[in-house]
Amino acid sequence: MNNKRIYMKKTFYFIVILLFSCQCEIFDQAEKFFDPQDLVLLDLADINGFWQNVEEIDTTFRGRELEGQGYLGGITLSDEDNNEICITVYSNQDSAINAMEFRIANVSTIITEGSSKGFDNKWWYSGGASRPAVYFNQWNTIIEVIMSDVAYSEAETTLIKTAKIISKRVDKLSS
């Protein structure tokens, strides 16, 4: 009888600990929101290793809307070599992902979902002949990084590194 009681106590504590750890994980994954008014704070012109000549960056912050509901705003920076960084902001993460999936289905460029290995974000890439790109989802944003006149295999590291830097900046400014 005593062994049964000890077993039940241990089982009870195990279940409580298991439930508590699951609850913490759920709270940690709560969706954050990036406010489109904070786009300027991302300081996209200051990303070492992406822009070749900072003085030649077009910082007019024109937006690029991906098709879809919930679009709140965006910015695009480009240099004279046609390298670009574009951030589009949506009302929530589902809207951002839906907009990207709509784009994938409706453009002639082949955009492939990236493997999740080593990434916390859902992401995609295109190895276009002259304009390889990566697209990262971070909360309610799509981060698009494009390089021109280079093969994807040569640009992949820079594209992903740049997208990760921006992703971290979006995360820090999100609440």
Protein backbone atom coordinates (compact mmCIF):
# COMPACT_ATOMS: atom_id res chain seq x y z
CA MET A 1 0.00 0.00 0.00
CA ASN A 2 2.84 2.37 0.85
CA ASN A 3 4.55 1.71 -2.53
CA LYS A 4 1.32 2.48 -4.33
CA ARG A 5 1.05 5.79 -2.50
CA ILE A 6 4.64 6.76 -3.37
CA TYR A 7 4.05 5.79 -7.01
CA MET A 8 0.89 7.93 -7.15
CA LYS A 9 2.71 10.89 -5.59
CA LYS A 10 5.56 10.61 -8.09
CA THR A 11 3.07 10.32 -10.95
CA PHE A 12 1.18 13.38 -9.70
CA TYR A 13 4.37 15.47 -9.44
CA PHE A 14 5.50 14.30 -12.86
CA ILE A 15 2.17 15.35 -14.42
CA VAL A 16 2.27 18.74 -12.67
CA ILE A 17 5.83 19.37 -13.88
CA LEU A 18 4.92 18.24 -17.39
CA LEU A 19 1.87 20.52 -17.52
CA PHE A 20 3.86 23.45 -16.13
CA SER A 21 6.62 23.03 -18.71
CA CYS A 22 4.05 22.84 -21.52
CA GLN A 23 2.38 26.02 -20.25
CA CYS A 24 5.71 27.87 -20.21
CA GLU A 25 6.44 26.76 -23.75
CA ILE A 26 3.04 28.02 -24.92
CA PHE A 27 3.60 31.40 -23.29
CA ASP A 28 7.10 31.67 -24.78
CA GLN A 29 5.67 31.19 -28.27
CA ALA A 30 3.02 33.89 -28.00
CA GLU A 31 2.94 35.95 -31.17
CA LYS A 32 4.61 39.32 -31.04
CA PHE A 33 3.65 42.36 -33.09
CA PHE A 34 6.00 44.59 -35.07
CA ASP A 35 4.57 48.10 -35.46
CA PRO A 36 5.05 49.46 -39.01
CA GLN A 37 5.82 52.87 -37.50
CA ASP A 38 9.09 51.31 -36.29
CA LEU A 39 10.34 50.45 -39.80
CA VAL A 40 12.79 53.36 -39.76
CA LEU A 41 14.26 52.06 -36.48
CA LEU A 42 15.46 48.88 -38.25
CA ASP A 43 18.35 50.96 -39.64
CA LEU A 44 18.45 48.88 -42.81
CA ALA A 45 21.12 51.05 -44.42
CA ASP A 46 23.51 49.91 -41.69
CA ILE A 47 24.02 46.22 -42.39
CA ASN A 48 27.67 45.29 -42.75
CA GLY A 49 28.42 42.82 -45.50
CA PHE A 50 25.33 43.49 -47.62
CA TRP A 51 25.58 47.00 -49.04
CA GLN A 52 28.73 47.64 -51.05
CA ASN A 53 28.54 51.43 -50.95
CA VAL A 54 26.26 52.93 -48.29
CA GLU A 55 26.22 56.35 -49.98
CA GLU A 56 24.47 54.84 -53.03
CA ILE A 57 21.49 53.37 -51.15
CA ASP A 58 18.06 54.67 -52.12
CA THR A 59 16.45 55.30 -48.73
CA THR A 60 13.18 56.77 -49.96
CA PHE A 61 11.38 53.97 -48.08
CA ARG A 62 8.91 53.07 -50.77
CA GLY A 63 6.70 50.15 -49.77
CA ARG A 64 6.04 46.93 -51.62
CA GLU A 65 2.73 45.32 -50.84
CA LEU A 66 2.48 41.58 -51.21
CA GLU A 67 -1.05 40.60 -52.15
CA GLY A 68 -3.16 39.76 -49.17
CA GLN A 69 -5.33 41.03 -46.42
CA GLY A 70 -3.91 42.71 -43.38
CA TYR A 71 -1.15 44.71 -45.10
CA LEU A 72 -0.10 47.60 -42.82
CA GLY A 73 2.96 49.03 -44.54
CA GLY A 74 6.44 48.42 -45.78
CA ILE A 75 9.74 49.80 -46.98
CA THR A 76 12.22 48.96 -49.69
CA LEU A 77 15.85 50.02 -49.86
CA SER A 78 17.97 49.45 -52.95
CA ASP A 79 21.37 50.36 -54.26
CA GLU A 80 22.49 51.20 -57.77
CA ASP A 81 23.41 47.52 -58.32
CA ASN A 82 19.73 46.60 -57.71
CA ASN A 83 20.43 44.83 -54.43
CA GLU A 84 17.34 45.24 -52.24
CA ILE A 85 15.96 44.82 -48.77
CA CYS A 86 12.21 44.97 -48.46
CA ILE A 87 10.13 44.64 -45.28
CA THR A 88 6.36 44.24 -45.46
CA VAL A 89 4.26 44.39 -42.31
CA TYR A 90 0.87 42.72 -41.77
CA SER A 91 -1.73 42.67 -39.03
CA ASN A 92 -0.54 39.24 -37.81
CA GLN A 93 1.76 36.35 -38.65
CA ASP A 94 -0.91 34.34 -40.48
CA SER A 95 -1.62 37.28 -42.80
CA ALA A 96 2.10 37.66 -43.54
CA ILE A 97 2.54 33.96 -44.34
CA ASN A 98 -0.67 33.88 -46.41
CA ALA A 99 0.54 36.89 -48.42
CA MET A 100 3.85 35.18 -49.10
CA GLU A 101 2.15 31.93 -50.09
CA PHE A 102 -0.15 33.88 -52.41
CA ARG A 103 2.86 35.50 -53.99
CA ILE A 104 4.58 32.13 -54.46
CA ALA A 105 1.50 30.78 -56.21
CA ASN A 106 1.14 33.80 -58.50
CA VAL A 107 4.62 34.74 -59.73
CA SER A 108 6.70 33.13 -62.44
CA THR A 109 9.80 33.03 -60.21
CA ILE A 110 10.28 29.68 -58.53
CA ILE A 111 10.25 30.30 -54.77
CA THR A 112 10.98 27.27 -52.59
CA GLU A 113 10.36 26.81 -48.88
CA GLY A 114 13.63 26.58 -46.96
CA SER A 115 14.33 23.76 -44.58
CA SER A 116 13.76 24.53 -40.91
CA LYS A 117 17.15 23.09 -39.98
CA GLY A 118 18.94 25.78 -38.00
CA PHE A 119 16.17 28.36 -38.40
CA ASP A 120 13.45 29.49 -36.01
CA ASN A 121 11.60 31.27 -38.81
CA LYS A 122 9.59 30.05 -41.74
CA TRP A 123 11.57 31.07 -44.81
CA TRP A 124 11.79 30.70 -48.56
CA TYR A 125 14.37 31.28 -51.26
CA SER A 126 14.58 31.78 -54.99
CA GLY A 127 17.68 31.00 -56.93
CA GLY A 128 16.66 33.21 -59.83
CA ALA A 129 19.18 33.38 -62.64
CA SER A 130 20.28 36.93 -61.89
CA ARG A 131 18.41 37.96 -58.69
CA PRO A 132 18.63 35.35 -55.94
CA ALA A 133 16.58 36.13 -52.84
CA VAL A 134 15.58 34.90 -49.41
CA TYR A 135 12.30 35.69 -47.67
CA PHE A 136 12.00 35.34 -43.88
CA ASN A 137 8.87 35.51 -41.80
CA GLN A 138 9.42 37.19 -38.42
CA TRP A 139 6.20 37.66 -36.50
CA ASN A 140 3.91 39.81 -38.66
CA THR A 141 6.58 40.71 -41.24
CA ILE A 142 8.11 39.32 -44.40
CA ILE A 143 11.78 40.20 -44.77
CA GLU A 144 12.99 40.06 -48.36
CA VAL A 145 16.69 40.25 -49.24
CA ILE A 146 17.72 40.27 -52.90
CA MET A 147 21.11 40.43 -54.60
CA SER A 148 21.69 41.09 -58.29
CA ASP A 149 24.03 39.64 -60.89
CA VAL A 150 25.24 36.76 -58.76
CA ALA A 151 24.42 33.06 -58.55
CA TYR A 152 22.39 31.87 -55.55
CA SER A 153 25.20 29.55 -54.47
CA GLU A 154 27.54 32.55 -54.22
CA ALA A 155 24.97 34.78 -52.49
CA GLU A 156 23.27 32.32 -50.13
CA THR A 157 25.43 32.98 -47.07
CA THR A 158 25.13 36.77 -47.38
CA LEU A 159 21.38 36.61 -48.06
CA ILE A 160 20.64 34.41 -45.06
CA LYS A 161 23.01 36.29 -42.75
CA THR A 162 21.41 39.60 -43.71
CA ALA A 163 17.87 38.23 -43.25
CA LYS A 164 18.82 36.89 -39.81
CA ILE A 165 20.26 40.27 -38.76
CA ILE A 166 17.05 42.01 -39.81
CA SER A 167 14.95 39.30 -38.18
CA LYS A 168 16.70 39.92 -34.85
CA ARG A 169 16.12 43.67 -35.19
CA VAL A 170 12.42 43.09 -35.91
CA ASP A 171 12.20 40.80 -32.88
CA LYS A 172 13.82 43.37 -30.56
CA LEU A 173 11.35 46.05 -31.67
CA SER A 174 8.31 43.74 -31.41
CA SER A 175 6.05 43.55 -28.41
